Protein backbone atom coordinates (compact mmCIF):
# COMPACT_ATOMS: atom_id res chain seq x y z
CA MET A 1 184.51 18.11 67.93
CA LYS A 2 180.85 17.28 67.55
CA LYS A 3 180.18 13.56 67.55
CA LYS A 4 178.58 12.55 64.27
CA ILE A 5 175.79 10.04 63.98
CA THR A 6 176.64 6.78 62.26
CA LEU A 7 175.11 5.90 58.92
CA LYS A 8 173.56 2.82 60.48
CA ASN A 9 171.78 4.82 63.17
CA ALA A 10 170.64 7.44 60.67
CA LEU A 11 169.18 4.84 58.32
CA PHE A 12 167.62 3.01 61.27
CA ILE A 13 165.83 6.16 62.49
CA ILE A 14 164.71 7.12 58.97
CA THR A 15 163.31 3.62 58.40
CA LEU A 16 161.34 3.67 61.66
CA LEU A 17 159.97 7.17 61.02
CA THR A 18 158.98 6.22 57.48
CA VAL A 19 157.06 3.19 58.73
CA LEU A 20 155.57 4.52 61.96
CA THR A 21 154.69 8.14 61.10
CA PRO A 22 151.84 7.30 58.70
CA ILE A 23 150.48 4.69 61.13
CA ILE A 24 150.48 7.11 64.06
CA VAL A 25 148.97 10.00 62.08
CA ILE A 26 146.25 7.87 60.48
CA GLY A 27 145.48 6.22 63.82
CA LEU A 28 145.17 9.51 65.71
CA VAL A 29 143.00 11.09 63.04
CA ALA A 30 140.75 8.04 62.85
CA ASP A 31 140.46 7.90 66.64
CA ARG A 32 139.55 11.60 66.79
CA PHE A 33 136.87 11.26 64.13
CA LEU A 34 135.50 8.09 65.74
CA PHE A 35 135.26 9.81 69.12
CA GLN A 36 133.63 12.94 67.69
CA ASP A 37 131.16 10.96 65.59
CA LEU A 38 130.22 8.80 68.56
CA ARG A 39 129.79 11.85 70.81
CA ASN A 40 127.60 13.60 68.23
CA ASP A 41 125.53 10.46 67.78
CA ILE A 42 125.06 9.99 71.54
CA SER A 43 124.23 13.67 72.00
CA ARG A 44 121.64 13.50 69.22
CA GLN A 45 120.06 10.35 70.66
CA ASN A 46 120.01 11.84 74.16
CA LYS A 47 118.35 15.03 72.94
CA ASN A 48 115.70 13.06 71.05
CA LEU A 49 115.07 10.90 74.10
CA ALA A 50 114.91 13.91 76.43
CA THR A 51 112.43 15.59 74.09
CA ALA A 52 110.28 12.45 74.00
CA VAL A 53 110.34 12.11 77.80
CA SER A 54 109.58 15.83 78.15
CA GLY A 55 106.54 15.34 75.95
CA GLU A 56 105.44 12.33 78.00
CA VAL A 57 105.81 14.22 81.29
CA ASN A 58 103.97 17.18 79.81
CA SER A 59 101.16 14.90 78.61
CA HIS A 60 100.85 13.39 82.08
CA LEU A 61 100.60 16.82 83.69
CA GLU A 62 98.17 17.99 81.01
CA GLY A 63 95.98 14.99 81.79
CA GLN A 64 95.82 15.97 85.45
CA LEU A 65 95.25 19.61 84.55
CA LYS A 66 92.40 18.68 82.22
CA ILE A 67 90.50 17.10 85.12
CA VAL A 68 91.00 20.17 87.31
CA ARG A 69 89.90 22.49 84.50
CA GLN A 70 86.77 20.44 83.91
CA LEU A 71 85.98 20.75 87.60
CA ALA A 72 86.59 24.52 87.44
CA GLU A 73 84.31 24.82 84.40
CA GLN A 74 81.63 22.84 86.23
CA LEU A 75 81.81 25.25 89.17
CA ASP A 76 81.60 28.29 86.87
CA MET A 77 78.61 26.82 85.07
CA ASP A 78 76.83 25.99 88.33
CA PRO A 79 77.60 28.73 90.91
CA ALA A 80 75.25 27.10 93.42
CA LEU A 81 77.54 24.08 93.52
CA LYS A 82 80.21 26.19 95.23
CA LYS A 83 78.00 26.43 98.30
CA SER A 84 76.69 22.87 98.18
CA LYS A 85 77.83 20.10 100.50
CA ASN A 86 77.75 17.85 97.47
CA LEU A 87 80.92 19.57 96.26
CA ASP A 88 82.93 17.74 98.92
CA LEU A 89 81.57 14.44 97.62
CA ILE A 90 82.47 15.42 94.05
CA LEU A 91 86.02 16.31 95.10
CA ASN A 92 86.42 13.01 96.95
CA ALA A 93 85.11 11.14 93.93
CA GLU A 94 87.63 12.87 91.64
CA ILE A 95 90.47 11.88 93.98
CA ALA A 96 89.25 8.31 94.28
CA ALA A 97 89.09 8.02 90.48
CA ASP A 98 92.64 9.29 89.93
CA GLU A 99 95.55 7.87 91.90
CA PHE A 100 97.73 10.94 91.35
CA PHE A 101 95.53 13.48 93.12
CA GLU A 102 96.40 13.78 96.80
CA SER A 103 93.97 16.56 97.67
CA ILE A 104 91.81 19.21 96.01
CA PHE A 105 90.87 22.54 97.58
CA VAL A 106 88.26 25.07 96.50
CA LEU A 107 88.94 28.62 97.67
CA ASP A 108 86.34 31.37 97.90
CA ALA A 109 86.76 34.98 96.83
CA ARG A 110 88.58 35.76 100.09
CA GLY A 111 91.21 33.12 99.40
CA LYS A 112 89.95 30.80 102.14
CA VAL A 113 89.25 27.07 101.84
CA SER A 114 85.53 26.46 101.43
CA HIS A 115 85.66 22.82 100.31
CA VAL A 116 88.29 20.08 100.39
CA GLY A 117 88.60 16.59 98.93
CA TYR A 118 91.07 13.97 100.14
CA ARG A 119 91.67 10.25 100.45
CA ARG A 120 90.32 8.47 103.46
CA ALA A 121 93.65 6.75 104.03
CA SER A 122 95.50 10.08 104.14
CA GLY A 123 94.49 10.84 107.73
CA MET A 124 93.33 14.33 106.78
CA ILE A 125 90.45 15.92 108.72
CA ARG A 126 88.23 18.21 106.68
CA GLU A 127 87.48 20.57 109.54
CA ASN A 128 91.20 21.28 110.02
CA TYR A 129 91.43 22.75 106.50
CA LEU A 130 88.16 24.63 106.15
CA GLY A 131 88.73 28.36 106.47
CA ILE A 132 92.52 28.24 105.98
CA ASP A 133 93.70 31.46 104.34
CA PHE A 134 95.90 30.88 101.25
CA THR A 135 96.22 34.52 100.21
CA GLY A 136 99.80 34.65 101.50
CA GLN A 137 100.89 31.77 99.28
CA ASP A 138 102.87 32.57 96.15
CA PHE A 139 100.81 30.29 93.91
CA TYR A 140 97.57 31.96 95.09
CA ARG A 141 98.84 35.46 94.41
CA LYS A 142 100.07 34.61 90.91
CA ALA A 143 96.99 32.64 89.86
CA SER A 144 94.59 35.25 91.26
CA ARG A 145 96.48 38.30 90.01
CA GLU A 146 97.13 36.99 86.51
CA GLY A 147 93.95 34.97 86.21
CA GLU A 148 95.86 32.10 84.62
CA ILE A 149 96.72 28.51 85.45
CA TYR A 150 99.80 28.31 87.64
CA TRP A 151 102.03 25.37 88.56
CA SER A 152 103.68 25.77 91.93
CA GLY A 153 107.17 24.70 92.86
CA THR A 154 107.45 21.08 93.89
CA PHE A 155 107.35 20.04 97.53
CA ILE A 156 107.40 16.84 99.56
CA SER A 157 103.86 15.82 100.40
CA PRO A 158 103.19 15.33 104.14
CA ILE A 159 100.69 12.65 103.13
CA SER A 160 102.78 10.43 100.83
CA GLY A 161 106.30 11.71 101.49
CA GLU A 162 106.80 12.01 97.72
CA PRO A 163 107.42 14.98 95.40
CA THR A 164 104.18 16.80 94.69
CA VAL A 165 103.12 19.86 92.73
CA ALA A 166 100.08 22.11 93.13
CA VAL A 167 98.20 23.37 90.09
CA SER A 168 95.95 26.41 90.57
CA VAL A 169 93.02 27.08 88.22
CA PRO A 170 91.08 30.38 88.66
CA ILE A 171 87.27 30.27 88.79
CA ASP A 172 84.69 33.00 89.08
CA GLY A 173 85.09 34.23 92.65
CA GLY A 174 87.73 31.80 93.75
CA LEU A 175 90.35 29.19 92.92
CA VAL A 176 90.66 25.42 92.54
CA ILE A 177 93.95 23.98 93.79
CA ALA A 178 94.90 20.36 93.21
CA ASN A 179 97.95 18.67 94.71
CA VAL A 180 99.32 16.22 92.15
CA ASN A 181 101.66 13.42 93.19
CA LEU A 182 104.68 13.08 90.88
CA ARG A 183 105.49 9.41 91.39
CA GLU A 184 104.48 8.75 87.79
CA LEU A 185 107.46 10.82 86.65
CA THR A 186 109.81 8.31 88.26
CA ASN A 187 107.93 5.51 86.48
CA ILE A 188 108.46 7.36 83.20
CA THR A 189 112.21 7.63 83.85
CA LYS A 190 112.35 3.85 84.38
CA GLN A 191 111.00 3.03 80.93
CA LEU A 192 114.42 2.92 79.28
CA ASP A 193 115.61 -0.44 78.06
CA ASN A 194 117.89 -2.06 80.65
CA THR A 195 120.51 -2.57 77.93
CA SER A 196 120.79 1.20 77.42
CA TYR A 197 123.71 3.01 79.06
CA SER A 198 121.63 6.22 79.30
CA TYR A 199 119.22 7.16 82.06
CA VAL A 200 116.67 9.94 82.58
CA TYR A 201 115.96 12.26 85.48
CA VAL A 202 113.84 15.37 86.05
CA VAL A 203 114.70 18.45 88.12
CA ASN A 204 112.39 21.25 89.18
CA ARG A 205 112.92 24.99 88.82
CA ALA A 206 115.07 25.01 91.96
CA GLY A 207 117.36 22.27 90.61
CA ASN A 208 116.04 19.54 92.95
CA VAL A 209 115.69 16.02 91.53
CA ILE A 210 111.98 15.13 91.46
CA ALA A 211 112.19 12.00 89.29
CA HIS A 212 115.03 9.51 88.89
CA PRO A 213 115.33 5.75 88.23
CA ASP A 214 117.02 5.48 91.63
CA GLU A 215 114.25 6.54 94.02
CA ARG A 216 116.78 7.21 96.77
CA VAL A 217 118.01 10.22 94.81
CA VAL A 218 114.44 11.56 94.77
CA ARG A 219 113.81 10.93 98.45
CA GLN A 220 117.07 12.67 99.39
CA GLN A 221 116.07 15.69 97.30
CA PHE A 222 119.44 16.08 95.60
CA ASN A 223 119.97 19.64 94.45
CA LEU A 224 121.97 19.80 91.21
CA ASN A 225 121.89 23.55 90.67
CA ASN A 226 125.68 23.64 91.01
CA LEU A 227 126.07 21.56 87.83
CA PRO A 228 126.54 23.60 84.62
CA ILE A 229 124.04 21.45 82.71
CA ILE A 230 121.31 22.30 85.25
CA ARG A 231 122.30 25.91 85.91
CA ASP A 232 122.50 26.75 82.21
CA GLY A 233 119.39 24.73 81.36
CA LEU A 234 117.27 26.58 83.90
CA ALA A 235 118.61 29.82 82.41
CA GLY A 236 117.51 28.71 78.92
CA ARG A 237 120.92 27.62 77.62
CA PHE A 238 120.95 24.02 76.41
CA GLY A 239 123.65 21.71 75.11
CA THR A 240 125.67 18.60 75.92
CA TYR A 241 127.72 18.87 79.11
CA ARG A 242 130.22 16.77 81.02
CA TYR A 243 130.02 16.82 84.79
CA THR A 244 130.73 14.71 87.86
CA PHE A 245 127.92 13.24 89.95
CA LEU A 246 128.36 10.82 92.87
CA GLY A 247 132.03 10.39 91.99
CA LYS A 248 131.49 9.40 88.35
CA GLU A 249 132.01 11.38 85.17
CA LYS A 250 128.73 11.91 83.34
CA GLU A 251 127.69 13.43 80.04
CA GLY A 252 124.15 14.69 79.57
CA THR A 253 121.70 16.72 77.51
CA ALA A 254 118.84 18.75 78.99
CA VAL A 255 115.44 19.73 77.56
CA GLN A 256 112.93 22.03 79.24
CA ILE A 257 109.29 21.13 79.94
CA PRO A 258 107.44 24.27 78.76
CA GLU A 259 104.44 23.81 81.06
CA THR A 260 106.39 23.87 84.30
CA GLY A 261 109.93 25.06 83.48
CA TRP A 262 111.39 21.79 84.77
CA LEU A 263 114.29 20.07 83.03
CA VAL A 264 114.43 16.56 81.63
CA VAL A 265 118.03 15.35 81.50
CA VAL A 266 119.24 12.27 79.64
CA ALA A 267 122.71 11.31 80.86
CA HIS A 268 125.18 8.43 80.74
CA ASP A 269 128.42 7.30 82.32
CA VAL A 270 131.26 8.53 80.11
CA GLU A 271 133.33 5.40 80.75
CA GLU A 272 130.48 3.11 79.70
CA ALA A 273 129.31 5.17 76.72
CA TYR A 274 132.79 5.50 75.21
CA ALA A 275 133.92 1.96 75.97
CA LEU A 276 134.02 1.21 72.21
CA VAL A 277 136.38 4.12 71.58
CA LYS A 278 138.61 3.05 74.47
CA LYS A 279 138.66 -0.50 73.13
CA THR A 280 139.60 0.80 69.69
CA GLU A 281 142.37 2.91 71.23
CA ARG A 282 143.76 -0.15 73.03
CA ILE A 283 143.67 -2.17 69.81
CA PHE A 284 145.42 0.68 67.99
CA LEU A 285 148.07 0.89 70.71
CA LEU A 286 148.68 -2.86 70.54
CA GLY A 287 148.86 -2.61 66.75
CA LEU A 288 151.33 0.26 67.04
CA LEU A 289 153.53 -1.74 69.42
CA ALA A 290 153.38 -4.73 67.07
CA ALA A 291 154.27 -2.49 64.12
CA LEU A 292 157.15 -1.00 66.12
CA PHE A 293 158.45 -4.47 67.02
CA PHE A 294 158.33 -5.79 63.46
CA SER A 295 159.67 -2.52 62.09
CA VAL A 296 162.71 -2.81 64.36
CA LEU A 297 163.28 -6.40 63.22
CA ALA A 298 162.84 -5.50 59.56
CA ALA A 299 165.02 -2.38 59.84
CA THR A 300 167.76 -4.30 61.65
CA TRP A 301 167.76 -7.08 59.07
CA SER A 302 167.66 -4.68 56.12
CA LEU A 303 170.39 -2.42 57.48
CA ASN A 304 172.65 -5.36 58.22
CA LYS A 305 172.05 -6.54 54.68
CA ILE A 306 172.97 -3.12 53.30
CA LEU A 307 175.74 -2.07 55.68
CA LEU A 308 177.75 -5.33 55.73
CA PRO A 309 179.09 -4.73 52.17
CA LEU A 310 179.72 -1.07 53.03
CA ASN A 311 181.68 -2.08 56.13
CA ARG A 312 183.73 -4.51 54.03
CA LEU A 313 184.42 -1.75 51.48
CA MET A 314 185.51 0.59 54.29
CA THR A 315 187.84 -2.12 55.63
CA ASN A 316 189.32 -2.64 52.16
CA ALA A 317 189.79 1.10 51.69
CA GLN A 318 191.63 1.29 55.00
CA LYS A 319 193.81 -1.67 53.97
CA LEU A 320 194.69 -0.09 50.64
CA ALA A 321 195.53 3.18 52.37
CA GLY A 322 197.87 1.26 54.70
CA GLY A 323 199.53 -0.66 51.89
CA ASP A 324 197.80 -3.94 52.64
CA TYR A 325 196.43 -5.43 49.41
CA SER A 326 194.88 -8.59 50.93
CA LEU A 327 191.28 -7.45 50.55
CA VAL A 328 188.34 -9.12 52.31
CA PRO A 329 185.59 -10.44 50.08
CA VAL A 330 182.59 -8.16 49.66
CA PRO A 331 179.06 -9.61 49.16
CA GLY A 332 177.77 -8.76 45.71
CA GLU A 333 174.03 -8.37 46.31
CA PHE A 334 174.03 -4.76 45.07
CA ARG A 335 175.39 -3.68 41.68
CA GLU A 336 176.81 -0.39 42.93
CA ILE A 337 178.70 -2.05 45.77
CA GLU A 338 179.88 -4.82 43.43
CA ALA A 339 181.27 -2.16 41.08
CA LEU A 340 183.10 -0.41 43.97
CA SER A 341 184.46 -3.75 45.17
CA GLY A 342 185.73 -4.50 41.66
CA ALA A 343 187.42 -1.08 41.53
CA PHE A 344 189.13 -1.74 44.86
CA ALA A 345 190.31 -5.15 43.62
CA TYR A 346 191.66 -3.55 40.42
CA MET A 347 193.57 -0.97 42.47
CA ALA A 348 195.01 -3.72 44.69
CA ASP A 349 196.09 -5.78 41.63
CA ALA A 350 197.60 -2.72 40.00
CA SER A 351 199.53 -1.83 43.12
CA THR A 352 200.76 -5.42 43.50
CA SER A 353 201.87 -5.56 39.82
CA GLY A 354 203.68 -2.26 40.19
CA LYS A 355 205.68 -3.54 43.13
CA LYS A 356 206.69 -6.69 41.23
CA SER A 357 207.95 -4.62 38.34
């Protein structure tokens, strides 16, 4: 025979479910909405920040490009300057005036170096570069064939040991190539407020980190092309991604720099960014445990209050059935139970009177 649940246990379970179910449902829904709202807000802020940094990086590169274009226009306007020794002095002056230029080359129609400018402290020797043939280089072929400005892939400069990019500007019967140091990009990534949990980094078209607040990451040339956020971003697919980097879970948003095809990524540690949600979850859990504790106390007290009279009535019923008319007193807190108790007492009196007769 199947064992039946007691009324006390049934009422106890119903009471707990009635109290706890709304709390749990409301808590879970609120936690879900809080998490989603926070994630959307962080994603929106990261995208806005990435777009702003992308614009700043682009402006920096445009500033360097503007100088090179002015030099190219000067050479086109004065063809004789291309054959003048003064051109080397002009190139050196341009480099001395701008800390981000490492070297500038002027190539003739054959793709060979005719003039070169460099810093004195670089250790470069002009004669070692004059006549070098650049026609086999990818950036030369693209700039010459298409007749348009071309940004090369980034590389580590043998002069400074830092990430560098070459920009090629076509001129009439040749090419101007300037090697631009990218240290300023790292300075841009460091501009975030120290209280912010987000940070910025830049990767090139190959997925190598070329700017990062932690300069060690740049020097070690981390390649992040295996991360979905980088792989998809370089393929033109953008969004907010979660990934693991250096053993920590990150969440980031990428934006492309149109001029170069590089990616600006704004990322944050998931644990740090969602600390508020985790704190709220802990508070909710503690509140749920407190509610469970007090619900058990309240249910126990209430059920004892309700079931004690019922137990007394059951005892009296068993006594009457066995011919024992000495009934136990029943608490009269509830009208229905008081009426049943009175009926039992009437039956006991009636049975006693009948026996006496």
